Amino acid sequence: MALVLEWLAGDYYQWIVDNRDNRSLDLPFMESPWPVMGILISYLYVVLRAGPRYMEKRKPYDLRNIIRIYNIAQVVLNALLCVTIGSTMWARDDFDWKCQLIDYSATPAGMREMRMAYYYFLLKILDLADTVFFVLRKKQSHVSFLHVYHHALMVFVTFWAVMFSPGGHGYLLGVWNTLVHAVMYYYYYRASYGDESAVWWKKYLTRLQLVQFVHLGCHFMIAIVMGSDCKYSKFWSWVALSQACIILAMFLNFYIKTYRKSETPKPVEKTN
């Protein structure tokens, strides 16, 4: 254990310093991995252990107004970032659907691409509040493995992406995810008022999420299949592809359990 800690503090940290994208060095949370690791460890401890213990003998908190403000803020922020990422990347002269390279330059365009990846990372930190709200409202059943895994993973992966690979072919992940989140948080906002008209399209929101992961899987598979013809990082392509497949499987399982089984007609009982 001591050797592992020594390696993390020494050789591995030096490797990060030598290979990272220094343009993000002065941004909050980006100087080193430790602040983000602290956030994730605290998040997991609070939502899985400390939070449930704290709420065990307490009544659920009424957070409706706070959550409504949070939902509207998420809709606005995700919609703005979706449009910004899409319009910025698609306007590039060298835009390539099959293999979009990263602009590592310090030009205004290169810095804009890096900052869009950084803002997306900040949104993933904000998403962690979802789980905290569940805990404080004593809805621990909502704190599923899929929910916690997805939220923690997105913070972890987007942090390293900003540090080493901000933008490029991964732009589509940002476009898709912010689009889906803008729709999702609008649904949450409507549902918080007991709006029955928002309920019927809940399953279509899940279908949109499924389409998202299928498209992203294909998107990164193309960059991998192109081999040496695509200079975008094969490592990040494989990371994105593998996670798209894993989360697709989880969401598909959730969809089948939640909607398909409820739609299956019950057998008619025989009467004599």
C-alpha atoms as a PDB file:
ATOM      1  CA  MET A   1       0.000   0.000   0.000  1.00  0.00           C
ATOM      2  CA  ALA A   2       2.818   2.366   0.876  1.00  0.00           C
ATOM      3  CA  LEU A   3       4.449   1.690  -2.504  1.00  0.00           C
ATOM      4  CA  VAL A   4       1.163   2.447  -4.308  1.00  0.00           C
ATOM      5  CA  LEU A   5       0.751   5.756  -2.463  1.00  0.00           C
ATOM      6  CA  GLU A   6       4.371   6.632  -3.158  1.00  0.00           C
ATOM      7  CA  TRP A   7       3.844   5.916  -6.858  1.00  0.00           C
ATOM      8  CA  LEU A   8       0.649   7.992  -6.975  1.00  0.00           C
ATOM      9  CA  ALA A   9       2.333  10.913  -5.224  1.00  0.00           C
ATOM     10  CA  GLY A  10       5.526  10.652  -7.250  1.00  0.00           C
ATOM     11  CA  ASP A  11       5.854   9.047 -10.687  1.00  0.00           C
ATOM     12  CA  TYR A  12       2.163   9.064 -11.607  1.00  0.00           C
ATOM     13  CA  TYR A  13       1.638  12.674 -10.581  1.00  0.00           C
ATOM     14  CA  GLN A  14       4.730  13.700 -12.517  1.00  0.00           C
ATOM     15  CA  TRP A  15       3.385  11.879 -15.579  1.00  0.00           C
ATOM     16  CA  ILE A  16       0.168  13.927 -15.307  1.00  0.00           C
ATOM     17  CA  VAL A  17       2.146  17.160 -15.047  1.00  0.00           C
ATOM     18  CA  ASP A  18       4.232  16.260 -18.090  1.00  0.00           C
ATOM     19  CA  ASN A  19       1.362  15.146 -20.325  1.00  0.00           C
ATOM     20  CA  ARG A  20      -1.687  17.229 -19.396  1.00  0.00           C
ATOM     21  CA  ASP A  21      -3.185  20.107 -21.366  1.00  0.00           C
ATOM     22  CA  ASN A  22      -1.820  23.128 -19.492  1.00  0.00           C
ATOM     23  CA  ARG A  23      -4.443  25.512 -20.885  1.00  0.00           C
ATOM     24  CA  SER A  24      -6.846  24.418 -18.111  1.00  0.00           C
ATOM     25  CA  LEU A  25      -4.250  24.572 -15.351  1.00  0.00           C
ATOM     26  CA  ASP A  26      -5.592  27.778 -13.747  1.00  0.00           C
ATOM     27  CA  LEU A  27      -9.277  26.785 -13.820  1.00  0.00           C
ATOM     28  CA  PRO A  28     -11.015  25.772 -10.552  1.00  0.00           C
ATOM     29  CA  PHE A  29     -10.704  22.020  -9.765  1.00  0.00           C
ATOM     30  CA  MET A  30      -8.194  21.512 -12.592  1.00  0.00           C
ATOM     31  CA  GLU A  31      -4.850  22.102 -10.899  1.00  0.00           C
ATOM     32  CA  SER A  32      -4.654  18.488  -9.674  1.00  0.00           C
ATOM     33  CA  PRO A  33      -6.898  15.394  -9.413  1.00  0.00           C
ATOM     34  CA  TRP A  34      -7.226  15.572  -5.625  1.00  0.00           C
ATOM     35  CA  PRO A  35     -10.103  18.099  -5.316  1.00  0.00           C
ATOM     36  CA  VAL A  36     -12.283  16.073  -7.691  1.00  0.00           C
ATOM     37  CA  MET A  37     -11.357  12.812  -5.988  1.00  0.00           C
ATOM     38  CA  GLY A  38     -12.372  14.460  -2.705  1.00  0.00           C
ATOM     39  CA  ILE A  39     -15.718  15.516  -4.174  1.00  0.00           C
ATOM     40  CA  LEU A  40     -16.465  12.011  -5.442  1.00  0.00           C
ATOM     41  CA  ILE A  41     -15.450  10.276  -2.208  1.00  0.00           C
ATOM     42  CA  SER A  42     -17.571  12.747  -0.211  1.00  0.00           C
ATOM     43  CA  TYR A  43     -20.501  12.258  -2.603  1.00  0.00           C
ATOM     44  CA  LEU A  44     -20.422   8.465  -2.275  1.00  0.00           C
ATOM     45  CA  TYR A  45     -20.062   8.623   1.514  1.00  0.00           C
ATOM     46  CA  VAL A  46     -22.933  11.104   1.923  1.00  0.00           C
ATOM     47  CA  VAL A  47     -25.485   9.467  -0.408  1.00  0.00           C
ATOM     48  CA  LEU A  48     -24.717   5.850   0.514  1.00  0.00           C
ATOM     49  CA  ARG A  49     -23.879   6.024   4.219  1.00  0.00           C
ATOM     50  CA  ALA A  50     -23.916   9.330   6.111  1.00  0.00           C
ATOM     51  CA  GLY A  51     -27.073  10.711   4.475  1.00  0.00           C
ATOM     52  CA  PRO A  52     -29.313   7.672   5.057  1.00  0.00           C
ATOM     53  CA  ARG A  53     -28.087   7.448   8.659  1.00  0.00           C
ATOM     54  CA  TYR A  54     -28.821  11.144   9.240  1.00  0.00           C
ATOM     55  CA  MET A  55     -32.326  10.829   7.753  1.00  0.00           C
ATOM     56  CA  GLU A  56     -33.191   7.527   9.442  1.00  0.00           C
ATOM     57  CA  LYS A  57     -35.236   9.066  12.277  1.00  0.00           C
ATOM     58  CA  ARG A  58     -36.077  12.357  10.605  1.00  0.00           C
ATOM     59  CA  LYS A  59     -38.996  13.406   8.447  1.00  0.00           C
ATOM     60  CA  PRO A  60     -38.327  14.062   4.744  1.00  0.00           C
ATOM     61  CA  TYR A  61     -37.355  17.645   3.963  1.00  0.00           C
ATOM     62  CA  ASP A  62     -39.751  19.670   1.822  1.00  0.00           C
ATOM     63  CA  LEU A  63     -37.432  20.811  -0.975  1.00  0.00           C
ATOM     64  CA  ARG A  64     -40.008  21.418  -3.696  1.00  0.00           C
ATOM     65  CA  ASN A  65     -39.201  25.081  -4.304  1.00  0.00           C
ATOM     66  CA  ILE A  66     -35.437  24.521  -4.181  1.00  0.00           C
ATOM     67  CA  ILE A  67     -35.707  21.601  -6.587  1.00  0.00           C
ATOM     68  CA  ARG A  68     -37.920  23.566  -8.979  1.00  0.00           C
ATOM     69  CA  ILE A  69     -35.339  26.363  -9.135  1.00  0.00           C
ATOM     70  CA  TYR A  70     -32.620  23.755  -9.592  1.00  0.00           C
ATOM     71  CA  ASN A  71     -34.560  22.084 -12.427  1.00  0.00           C
ATOM     72  CA  ILE A  72     -35.115  25.351 -14.291  1.00  0.00           C
ATOM     73  CA  ALA A  73     -31.436  26.257 -13.882  1.00  0.00           C
ATOM     74  CA  GLN A  74     -30.482  22.849 -15.315  1.00  0.00           C
ATOM     75  CA  VAL A  75     -32.812  23.326 -18.293  1.00  0.00           C
ATOM     76  CA  VAL A  76     -31.327  26.726 -19.124  1.00  0.00           C
ATOM     77  CA  LEU A  77     -27.675  25.755 -18.577  1.00  0.00           C
ATOM     78  CA  ASN A  78     -27.922  22.486 -20.517  1.00  0.00           C
ATOM     79  CA  ALA A  79     -29.832  24.066 -23.406  1.00  0.00           C
ATOM     80  CA  LEU A  80     -27.311  26.912 -23.707  1.00  0.00           C
ATOM     81  CA  LEU A  81     -24.342  24.549 -23.617  1.00  0.00           C
ATOM     82  CA  CYS A  82     -25.957  22.178 -26.117  1.00  0.00           C
ATOM     83  CA  VAL A  83     -26.422  24.979 -28.637  1.00  0.00           C
ATOM     84  CA  THR A  84     -22.964  26.422 -27.947  1.00  0.00           C
ATOM     85  CA  ILE A  85     -21.096  23.128 -28.329  1.00  0.00           C
ATOM     86  CA  GLY A  86     -22.991  22.131 -31.459  1.00  0.00           C
ATOM     87  CA  SER A  87     -22.770  25.476 -33.236  1.00  0.00           C
ATOM     88  CA  THR A  88     -19.094  25.959 -32.355  1.00  0.00           C
ATOM     89  CA  MET A  89     -17.957  22.514 -33.493  1.00  0.00           C
ATOM     90  CA  TRP A  90     -20.095  22.316 -36.631  1.00  0.00           C
ATOM     91  CA  ALA A  91     -18.884  25.759 -37.719  1.00  0.00           C
ATOM     92  CA  ARG A  92     -15.232  24.621 -37.778  1.00  0.00           C
ATOM     93  CA  ASP A  93     -13.646  24.581 -41.246  1.00  0.00           C
ATOM     94  CA  ASP A  94     -12.057  21.210 -40.491  1.00  0.00           C
ATOM     95  CA  PHE A  95     -15.195  19.640 -39.019  1.00  0.00           C
ATOM     96  CA  ASP A  96     -15.371  15.888 -39.668  1.00  0.00           C
ATOM     97  CA  TRP A  97     -18.280  13.682 -38.595  1.00  0.00           C
ATOM     98  CA  LYS A  98     -16.088  10.567 -38.748  1.00  0.00           C
ATOM     99  CA  CYS A  99     -13.006  11.838 -36.918  1.00  0.00           C
ATOM    100  CA  GLN A 100     -12.970  15.255 -35.292  1.00  0.00           C
ATOM    101  CA  LEU A 101      -9.545  16.238 -33.990  1.00  0.00           C
ATOM    102  CA  ILE A 102      -8.971  18.437 -30.922  1.00  0.00           C
ATOM    103  CA  ASP A 103      -7.790  22.008 -31.328  1.00  0.00           C
ATOM    104  CA  TYR A 104      -5.018  22.227 -28.714  1.00  0.00           C
ATOM    105  CA  SER A 105      -3.977  25.722 -29.797  1.00  0.00           C
ATOM    106  CA  ALA A 106      -4.153  28.846 -27.644  1.00  0.00           C
ATOM    107  CA  THR A 107      -6.177  30.607 -30.333  1.00  0.00           C
ATOM    108  CA  PRO A 108      -9.647  31.941 -29.427  1.00  0.00           C
ATOM    109  CA  ALA A 109     -11.214  28.929 -31.195  1.00  0.00           C
ATOM    110  CA  GLY A 110      -8.972  26.435 -29.388  1.00  0.00           C
ATOM    111  CA  MET A 111      -9.578  28.030 -25.999  1.00  0.00           C
ATOM    112  CA  ARG A 112     -13.332  28.113 -26.642  1.00  0.00           C
ATOM    113  CA  GLU A 113     -13.337  24.377 -27.363  1.00  0.00           C
ATOM    114  CA  MET A 114     -11.412  23.654 -24.176  1.00  0.00           C
ATOM    115  CA  ARG A 115     -13.691  25.855 -22.069  1.00  0.00           C
ATOM    116  CA  MET A 116     -16.835  24.175 -23.447  1.00  0.00           C
ATOM    117  CA  ALA A 117     -15.458  20.835 -22.231  1.00  0.00           C
ATOM    118  CA  TYR A 118     -14.714  22.445 -18.860  1.00  0.00           C
ATOM    119  CA  TYR A 119     -18.212  23.919 -18.508  1.00  0.00           C
ATOM    120  CA  TYR A 120     -19.648  20.507 -19.322  1.00  0.00           C
ATOM    121  CA  PHE A 121     -17.528  19.034 -16.520  1.00  0.00           C
ATOM    122  CA  LEU A 122     -18.912  21.649 -14.089  1.00  0.00           C
ATOM    123  CA  LEU A 123     -22.456  20.657 -15.070  1.00  0.00           C
ATOM    124  CA  LYS A 124     -21.646  17.060 -14.156  1.00  0.00           C
ATOM    125  CA  ILE A 125     -20.614  18.227 -10.677  1.00  0.00           C
ATOM    126  CA  LEU A 126     -23.913  20.109 -10.389  1.00  0.00           C
ATOM    127  CA  ASP A 127     -25.760  16.900 -11.332  1.00  0.00           C
ATOM    128  CA  LEU A 128     -24.570  15.295  -8.082  1.00  0.00           C
ATOM    129  CA  ALA A 129     -27.141  17.405  -6.235  1.00  0.00           C
ATOM    130  CA  ASP A 130     -29.866  15.120  -7.662  1.00  0.00           C
ATOM    131  CA  THR A 131     -28.802  12.282  -5.379  1.00  0.00           C
ATOM    132  CA  VAL A 132     -28.480  14.528  -2.341  1.00  0.00           C
ATOM    133  CA  PHE A 133     -32.074  15.684  -2.897  1.00  0.00           C
ATOM    134  CA  PHE A 134     -33.222  12.042  -2.996  1.00  0.00           C
ATOM    135  CA  VAL A 135     -31.513  11.345   0.325  1.00  0.00           C
ATOM    136  CA  LEU A 136     -32.903  14.449   2.051  1.00  0.00           C
ATOM    137  CA  ARG A 137     -36.409  13.579   0.810  1.00  0.00           C
ATOM    138  CA  LYS A 138     -35.988   9.986   2.090  1.00  0.00           C
ATOM    139  CA  LYS A 139     -36.306   8.511  -1.389  1.00  0.00           C
ATOM    140  CA  GLN A 140     -33.375   6.168  -0.924  1.00  0.00           C
ATOM    141  CA  SER A 141     -34.942   3.668  -3.336  1.00  0.00           C
ATOM    142  CA  HIS A 142     -34.158   6.177  -6.101  1.00  0.00           C
ATOM    143  CA  VAL A 143     -30.462   5.996  -5.202  1.00  0.00           C
ATOM    144  CA  SER A 144     -29.937   2.995  -7.471  1.00  0.00           C
ATOM    145  CA  PHE A 145     -26.648   1.564  -8.681  1.00  0.00           C
ATOM    146  CA  LEU A 146     -27.365   2.946 -12.172  1.00  0.00           C
ATOM    147  CA  HIS A 147     -28.025   6.439 -10.789  1.00  0.00           C
ATOM    148  CA  VAL A 148     -24.934   6.622  -8.562  1.00  0.00           C
ATOM    149  CA  TYR A 149     -22.638   4.908 -11.065  1.00  0.00           C
ATOM    150  CA  HIS A 150     -23.697   7.217 -13.893  1.00  0.00           C
ATOM    151  CA  HIS A 151     -23.363  10.429 -11.884  1.00  0.00           C
ATOM    152  CA  ALA A 152     -20.016   9.582 -10.297  1.00  0.00           C
ATOM    153  CA  LEU A 153     -18.587   8.197 -13.524  1.00  0.00           C
ATOM    154  CA  MET A 154     -19.483  11.300 -15.536  1.00  0.00           C
ATOM    155  CA  VAL A 155     -17.657  13.573 -13.083  1.00  0.00           C
ATOM    156  CA  PHE A 156     -14.629  11.281 -13.057  1.00  0.00           C
ATOM    157  CA  VAL A 157     -14.381  10.841 -16.844  1.00  0.00           C
ATOM    158  CA  THR A 158     -15.126  14.449 -17.804  1.00  0.00           C
ATOM    159  CA  PHE A 159     -12.459  15.707 -15.399  1.00  0.00           C
ATOM    160  CA  TRP A 160      -9.765  13.602 -17.075  1.00  0.00           C
ATOM    161  CA  ALA A 161     -11.123  14.482 -20.505  1.00  0.00           C
ATOM    162  CA  VAL A 162     -10.726  18.203 -19.778  1.00  0.00           C
ATOM    163  CA  MET A 163      -7.221  17.586 -18.476  1.00  0.00           C
ATOM    164  CA  PHE A 164      -6.044  15.549 -21.466  1.00  0.00           C
ATOM    165  CA  SER A 165      -8.580  15.545 -24.288  1.00  0.00           C
ATOM    166  CA  PRO A 166     -10.912  18.579 -24.209  1.00  0.00           C
ATOM    167  CA  GLY A 167     -13.200  18.517 -27.216  1.00  0.00           C
ATOM    168  CA  GLY A 168     -12.593  16.892 -30.550  1.00  0.00           C
ATOM    169  CA  HIS A 169     -14.564  13.757 -31.413  1.00  0.00           C
ATOM    170  CA  GLY A 170     -16.003  13.711 -27.897  1.00  0.00           C
ATOM    171  CA  TYR A 171     -18.031  16.846 -28.661  1.00  0.00           C
ATOM    172  CA  LEU A 172     -21.058  14.708 -29.603  1.00  0.00           C
ATOM    173  CA  LEU A 173     -21.242  13.338 -26.054  1.00  0.00           C
ATOM    174  CA  GLY A 174     -21.667  16.908 -24.828  1.00  0.00           C
ATOM    175  CA  VAL A 175     -24.318  17.731 -27.442  1.00  0.00           C
ATOM    176  CA  TRP A 176     -26.369  14.605 -26.777  1.00  0.00           C
ATOM    177  CA  ASN A 177     -26.075  14.681 -22.999  1.00  0.00           C
ATOM    178  CA  THR A 178     -26.975  18.341 -22.587  1.00  0.00           C
ATOM    179  CA  LEU A 179     -29.928  17.943 -24.962  1.00  0.00           C
ATOM    180  CA  VAL A 180     -31.278  14.963 -23.027  1.00  0.00           C
ATOM    181  CA  HIS A 181     -30.703  16.697 -19.693  1.00  0.00           C
ATOM    182  CA  ALA A 182     -32.522  19.853 -20.818  1.00  0.00           C
ATOM    183  CA  VAL A 183     -35.568  17.736 -21.728  1.00  0.00           C
ATOM    184  CA  MET A 184     -35.252  15.593 -18.595  1.00  0.00           C
ATOM    185  CA  TYR A 185     -35.100  18.481 -16.145  1.00  0.00           C
ATOM    186  CA  TYR A 186     -38.026  20.161 -17.896  1.00  0.00           C
ATOM    187  CA  TYR A 187     -39.966  16.950 -17.310  1.00  0.00           C
ATOM    188  CA  TYR A 188     -38.936  16.977 -13.630  1.00  0.00           C
ATOM    189  CA  TYR A 189     -40.074  20.598 -13.321  1.00  0.00           C
ATOM    190  CA  ARG A 190     -43.487  19.841 -14.826  1.00  0.00           C
ATOM    191  CA  ALA A 191     -43.909  16.687 -12.782  1.00  0.00           C
ATOM    192  CA  SER A 192     -43.127  18.550  -9.540  1.00  0.00           C
ATOM    193  CA  TYR A 193     -46.454  20.359  -9.937  1.00  0.00           C
ATOM    194  CA  GLY A 194     -48.332  17.083 -10.424  1.00  0.00           C
ATOM    195  CA  ASP A 195     -48.826  17.877 -14.106  1.00  0.00           C
ATOM    196  CA  GLU A 196     -50.428  14.714 -15.506  1.00  0.00           C
ATOM    197  CA  SER A 197     -49.702  15.819 -19.075  1.00  0.00           C
ATOM    198  CA  ALA A 198     -45.980  15.404 -18.322  1.00  0.00           C
ATOM    199  CA  VAL A 199     -46.337  11.797 -17.247  1.00  0.00           C
ATOM    200  CA  TRP A 200     -47.366  10.212 -20.554  1.00  0.00           C
ATOM    201  CA  TRP A 201     -44.101  11.107 -22.298  1.00  0.00           C
ATOM    202  CA  LYS A 202     -41.848   9.883 -19.478  1.00  0.00           C
ATOM    203  CA  LYS A 203     -41.136   6.610 -21.297  1.00  0.00           C
ATOM    204  CA  TYR A 204     -40.243   8.547 -24.456  1.00  0.00           C
ATOM    205  CA  LEU A 205     -37.610  10.394 -22.450  1.00  0.00           C
ATOM    206  CA  THR A 206     -36.072   7.029 -21.576  1.00  0.00           C
ATOM    207  CA  ARG A 207     -36.239   6.059 -25.251  1.00  0.00           C
ATOM    208  CA  LEU A 208     -34.393   9.269 -26.118  1.00  0.00           C
ATOM    209  CA  GLN A 209     -31.685   8.252 -23.643  1.00  0.00           C
ATOM    210  CA  LEU A 210     -31.427   4.839 -25.304  1.00  0.00           C
ATOM    211  CA  VAL A 211     -31.086   6.446 -28.747  1.00  0.00           C
ATOM    212  CA  GLN A 212     -28.384   8.689 -27.308  1.00  0.00           C
ATOM    213  CA  PHE A 213     -26.205   5.791 -26.163  1.00  0.00           C
ATOM    214  CA  VAL A 214     -26.685   3.826 -29.390  1.00  0.00           C
ATOM    215  CA  HIS A 215     -25.660   6.836 -31.484  1.00  0.00           C
ATOM    216  CA  LEU A 216     -22.684   7.621 -29.250  1.00  0.00           C
ATOM    217  CA  GLY A 217     -21.536   4.003 -29.431  1.00  0.00           C
ATOM    218  CA  CYS A 218     -21.633   4.147 -33.234  1.00  0.00           C
ATOM    219  CA  HIS A 219     -19.932   7.545 -33.233  1.00  0.00           C
ATOM    220  CA  PHE A 220     -16.902   6.354 -31.285  1.00  0.00           C
ATOM    221  CA  MET A 221     -16.824   2.979 -33.020  1.00  0.00           C
ATOM    222  CA  ILE A 222     -16.297   4.772 -36.335  1.00  0.00           C
ATOM    223  CA  ALA A 223     -13.193   6.535 -34.977  1.00  0.00           C
ATOM    224  CA  ILE A 224     -11.846   3.178 -33.737  1.00  0.00           C
ATOM    225  CA  VAL A 225     -12.547   1.317 -36.980  1.00  0.00           C
ATOM    226  CA  MET A 226     -10.782   4.031 -38.985  1.00  0.00           C
ATOM    227  CA  GLY A 227      -7.554   2.998 -37.253  1.00  0.00           C
ATOM    228  CA  SER A 228      -4.514   5.053 -38.190  1.00  0.00           C
ATOM    229  CA  ASP A 229      -6.626   7.193 -40.536  1.00  0.00           C
ATOM    230  CA  CYS A 230      -8.144   8.842 -37.443  1.00  0.00           C
ATOM    231  CA  LYS A 231      -5.680  10.632 -35.151  1.00  0.00           C
ATOM    232  CA  TYR A 232      -8.217  11.141 -32.362  1.00  0.00           C
ATOM    233  CA  SER A 233      -7.153   9.243 -29.216  1.00  0.00           C
ATOM    234  CA  LYS A 234      -8.028   5.557 -29.447  1.00  0.00           C
ATOM    235  CA  PHE A 235      -7.921   5.396 -25.649  1.00  0.00           C
ATOM    236  CA  TRP A 236     -10.708   7.956 -25.258  1.00  0.00           C
ATOM    237  CA  SER A 237     -12.683   6.361 -28.095  1.00  0.00           C
ATOM    238  CA  TRP A 238     -12.586   2.999 -26.298  1.00  0.00           C
ATOM    239  CA  VAL A 239     -13.479   4.593 -22.949  1.00  0.00           C
ATOM    240  CA  ALA A 240     -16.482   6.354 -24.489  1.00  0.00           C
ATOM    241  CA  LEU A 241     -17.590   3.268 -26.448  1.00  0.00           C
ATOM    242  CA  SER A 242     -17.349   0.931 -23.460  1.00  0.00           C
ATOM    243  CA  GLN A 243     -19.268   3.279 -21.179  1.00  0.00           C
ATOM    244  CA  ALA A 244     -21.937   3.887 -23.834  1.00  0.00           C
ATOM    245  CA  CYS A 245     -22.452   0.115 -24.058  1.00  0.00           C
ATOM    246  CA  ILE A 246     -22.502  -0.403 -20.268  1.00  0.00           C
ATOM    247  CA  ILE A 247     -24.941   2.429 -19.585  1.00  0.00           C
ATOM    248  CA  LEU A 248     -27.079   1.435 -22.594  1.00  0.00           C
ATOM    249  CA  ALA A 249     -27.435  -2.039 -21.100  1.00  0.00           C
ATOM    250  CA  MET A 250     -28.400  -0.570 -17.715  1.00  0.00           C
ATOM    251  CA  PHE A 251     -30.962   1.830 -19.192  1.00  0.00           C
ATOM    252  CA  LEU A 252     -32.391  -0.913 -21.411  1.00  0.00           C
ATOM    253  CA  ASN A 253     -32.823  -3.123 -18.371  1.00  0.00           C
ATOM    254  CA  PHE A 254     -34.506  -0.232 -16.541  1.00  0.00           C
ATOM    255  CA  TYR A 255     -36.799   0.422 -19.522  1.00  0.00           C
ATOM    256  CA  ILE A 256     -37.872  -3.226 -19.795  1.00  0.00           C
ATOM    257  CA  LYS A 257     -38.549  -3.527 -16.065  1.00  0.00           C
ATOM    258  CA  THR A 258     -40.371  -0.192 -15.837  1.00  0.00           C
ATOM    259  CA  TYR A 259     -42.415  -0.052 -19.037  1.00  0.00           C
ATOM    260  CA  ARG A 260     -42.498  -3.338 -20.914  1.00  0.00           C
ATOM    261  CA  LYS A 261     -43.640  -5.415 -17.965  1.00  0.00           C
ATOM    262  CA  SER A 262     -46.304  -2.872 -17.032  1.00  0.00           C
ATOM    263  CA  GLU A 263     -47.616  -2.955 -20.608  1.00  0.00           C
ATOM    264  CA  THR A 264     -47.876  -6.759 -20.711  1.00  0.00           C
ATOM    265  CA  PRO A 265     -51.566  -7.668 -20.518  1.00  0.00           C
ATOM    266  CA  LYS A 266     -52.499  -9.764 -17.532  1.00  0.00           C
ATOM    267  CA  PRO A 267     -54.017 -13.186 -18.283  1.00  0.00           C
ATOM    268  CA  VAL A 268     -57.782 -13.327 -18.014  1.00  0.00           C
ATOM    269  CA  GLU A 269     -58.910 -15.396 -15.083  1.00  0.00           C
ATOM    270  CA  LYS A 270     -61.110 -18.364 -15.941  1.00  0.00           C
ATOM    271  CA  THR A 271     -64.592 -18.359 -14.550  1.00  0.00           C
ATOM    272  CA  ASN A 272     -66.827 -21.372 -14.080  1.00  0.00           C
END
